[in-house]
Amino acid sequence: MQDEPNGILPLILGDVIGRTSREMLPTPSAGQPAEQVVEVDSGRPHGLVRIKYRLMRHRHGKSENWFWTAVHAERVDA
């Protein structure tokens, strides 16, 4: 599993990833850092994990939308 560029991210529930980005990260906007790292308890079987989020921008015409997307996750050794 260590050869995966995104670590154990495919094994983490989407609910955990989404809830963490909404509750623990700042509101996405142009003034935020490009990447944020958050440690969260993902429950069994992985326990405490470190998830790296990247700030992304989507443009359509004159409007733009900023959002966080999870790019990597790894177990945190206790």
C-alpha atoms as a PDB file:
ATOM      1  CA  MET A   1       0.000   0.000   0.000  1.00  0.00           C
ATOM      2  CA  GLN A   2       2.980   2.329   0.403  1.00  0.00           C
ATOM      3  CA  ASP A   3       3.430   2.510  -3.373  1.00  0.00           C
ATOM      4  CA  GLU A   4       0.117   4.345  -3.673  1.00  0.00           C
ATOM      5  CA  PRO A   5       0.650   8.070  -4.327  1.00  0.00           C
ATOM      6  CA  ASN A   6      -2.429   8.880  -2.251  1.00  0.00           C
ATOM      7  CA  GLY A   7      -1.574   6.509   0.624  1.00  0.00           C
ATOM      8  CA  ILE A   8      -4.573   4.962   2.363  1.00  0.00           C
ATOM      9  CA  LEU A   9      -6.972   7.646   1.097  1.00  0.00           C
ATOM     10  CA  PRO A  10      -9.083   5.132  -0.904  1.00  0.00           C
ATOM     11  CA  LEU A  11      -9.720   3.220   2.338  1.00  0.00           C
ATOM     12  CA  ILE A  12     -11.041   6.222   4.303  1.00  0.00           C
ATOM     13  CA  LEU A  13     -14.819   6.747   4.286  1.00  0.00           C
ATOM     14  CA  GLY A  14     -16.003   9.700   2.220  1.00  0.00           C
ATOM     15  CA  ASP A  15     -18.087  10.872   5.169  1.00  0.00           C
ATOM     16  CA  VAL A  16     -14.925  11.288   7.258  1.00  0.00           C
ATOM     17  CA  ILE A  17     -13.143  13.163   4.457  1.00  0.00           C
ATOM     18  CA  GLY A  18     -16.083  15.496   3.797  1.00  0.00           C
ATOM     19  CA  ARG A  19     -16.912  16.177   7.449  1.00  0.00           C
ATOM     20  CA  THR A  20     -13.263  16.925   8.212  1.00  0.00           C
ATOM     21  CA  SER A  21     -12.966  19.410   5.339  1.00  0.00           C
ATOM     22  CA  ARG A  22     -16.148  21.214   6.433  1.00  0.00           C
ATOM     23  CA  GLU A  23     -15.460  21.303  10.176  1.00  0.00           C
ATOM     24  CA  MET A  24     -11.678  21.502  10.560  1.00  0.00           C
ATOM     25  CA  LEU A  25     -10.452  23.489   7.553  1.00  0.00           C
ATOM     26  CA  PRO A  26     -10.840  27.228   6.935  1.00  0.00           C
ATOM     27  CA  THR A  27     -13.356  28.419   4.372  1.00  0.00           C
ATOM     28  CA  PRO A  28     -11.780  27.844   0.956  1.00  0.00           C
ATOM     29  CA  SER A  29     -10.793  31.087  -0.763  1.00  0.00           C
ATOM     30  CA  ALA A  30      -7.954  32.627  -2.747  1.00  0.00           C
ATOM     31  CA  GLY A  31      -6.153  33.823   0.395  1.00  0.00           C
ATOM     32  CA  GLN A  32      -5.735  30.373   1.967  1.00  0.00           C
ATOM     33  CA  PRO A  33      -2.534  28.275   1.796  1.00  0.00           C
ATOM     34  CA  ALA A  34      -2.392  25.814  -1.097  1.00  0.00           C
ATOM     35  CA  GLU A  35      -2.329  22.760   1.209  1.00  0.00           C
ATOM     36  CA  GLN A  36      -3.608  21.931   4.685  1.00  0.00           C
ATOM     37  CA  VAL A  37      -2.950  18.841   6.810  1.00  0.00           C
ATOM     38  CA  VAL A  38      -5.447  17.600   9.409  1.00  0.00           C
ATOM     39  CA  GLU A  39      -5.262  14.698  11.864  1.00  0.00           C
ATOM     40  CA  VAL A  40      -8.589  13.007  12.564  1.00  0.00           C
ATOM     41  CA  ASP A  41      -9.835   9.793  14.138  1.00  0.00           C
ATOM     42  CA  SER A  42     -11.332   7.809  11.247  1.00  0.00           C
ATOM     43  CA  GLY A  43     -12.603   4.992  13.438  1.00  0.00           C
ATOM     44  CA  ARG A  44     -11.892   1.346  12.891  1.00  0.00           C
ATOM     45  CA  PRO A  45      -9.746  -0.146  11.423  1.00  0.00           C
ATOM     46  CA  HIS A  46      -7.447   2.804  10.619  1.00  0.00           C
ATOM     47  CA  GLY A  47      -7.764   4.947  13.760  1.00  0.00           C
ATOM     48  CA  LEU A  48      -5.910   8.253  13.752  1.00  0.00           C
ATOM     49  CA  VAL A  49      -5.039   9.375  10.214  1.00  0.00           C
ATOM     50  CA  ARG A  50      -3.359  12.425   8.723  1.00  0.00           C
ATOM     51  CA  ILE A  51      -5.203  13.745   5.658  1.00  0.00           C
ATOM     52  CA  LYS A  52      -3.649  16.265   3.275  1.00  0.00           C
ATOM     53  CA  TYR A  53      -6.076  18.583   1.459  1.00  0.00           C
ATOM     54  CA  ARG A  54      -5.264  20.745  -1.551  1.00  0.00           C
ATOM     55  CA  LEU A  55      -7.041  24.005  -2.348  1.00  0.00           C
ATOM     56  CA  MET A  56      -8.610  23.850  -5.800  1.00  0.00           C
ATOM     57  CA  ARG A  57     -10.423  26.376  -7.970  1.00  0.00           C
ATOM     58  CA  HIS A  58     -13.094  25.724 -10.573  1.00  0.00           C
ATOM     59  CA  ARG A  59     -13.930  28.465 -13.049  1.00  0.00           C
ATOM     60  CA  HIS A  60     -16.931  28.598 -15.318  1.00  0.00           C
ATOM     61  CA  GLY A  61     -17.411  31.811 -17.235  1.00  0.00           C
ATOM     62  CA  LYS A  62     -17.228  34.725 -14.815  1.00  0.00           C
ATOM     63  CA  SER A  63     -17.836  32.651 -11.699  1.00  0.00           C
ATOM     64  CA  GLU A  64     -15.293  30.690  -9.706  1.00  0.00           C
ATOM     65  CA  ASN A  65     -15.631  28.208  -6.880  1.00  0.00           C
ATOM     66  CA  TRP A  66     -12.904  27.358  -4.345  1.00  0.00           C
ATOM     67  CA  PHE A  67     -12.943  23.979  -2.598  1.00  0.00           C
ATOM     68  CA  TRP A  68     -10.746  21.567  -0.645  1.00  0.00           C
ATOM     69  CA  THR A  69      -9.968  18.155  -2.082  1.00  0.00           C
ATOM     70  CA  ALA A  70      -8.271  15.309  -0.225  1.00  0.00           C
ATOM     71  CA  VAL A  71      -5.088  14.159  -1.959  1.00  0.00           C
ATOM     72  CA  HIS A  72      -3.288  11.911   0.538  1.00  0.00           C
ATOM     73  CA  ALA A  73      -3.889  10.045   3.793  1.00  0.00           C
ATOM     74  CA  GLU A  74      -1.594   8.095   6.093  1.00  0.00           C
ATOM     75  CA  ARG A  75      -1.887   6.413   9.467  1.00  0.00           C
ATOM     76  CA  VAL A  76      -0.491   8.286  12.462  1.00  0.00           C
ATOM     77  CA  ASP A  77       1.510   5.995  14.701  1.00  0.00           C
ATOM     78  CA  ALA A  78       0.488   6.377  18.325  1.00  0.00           C
END
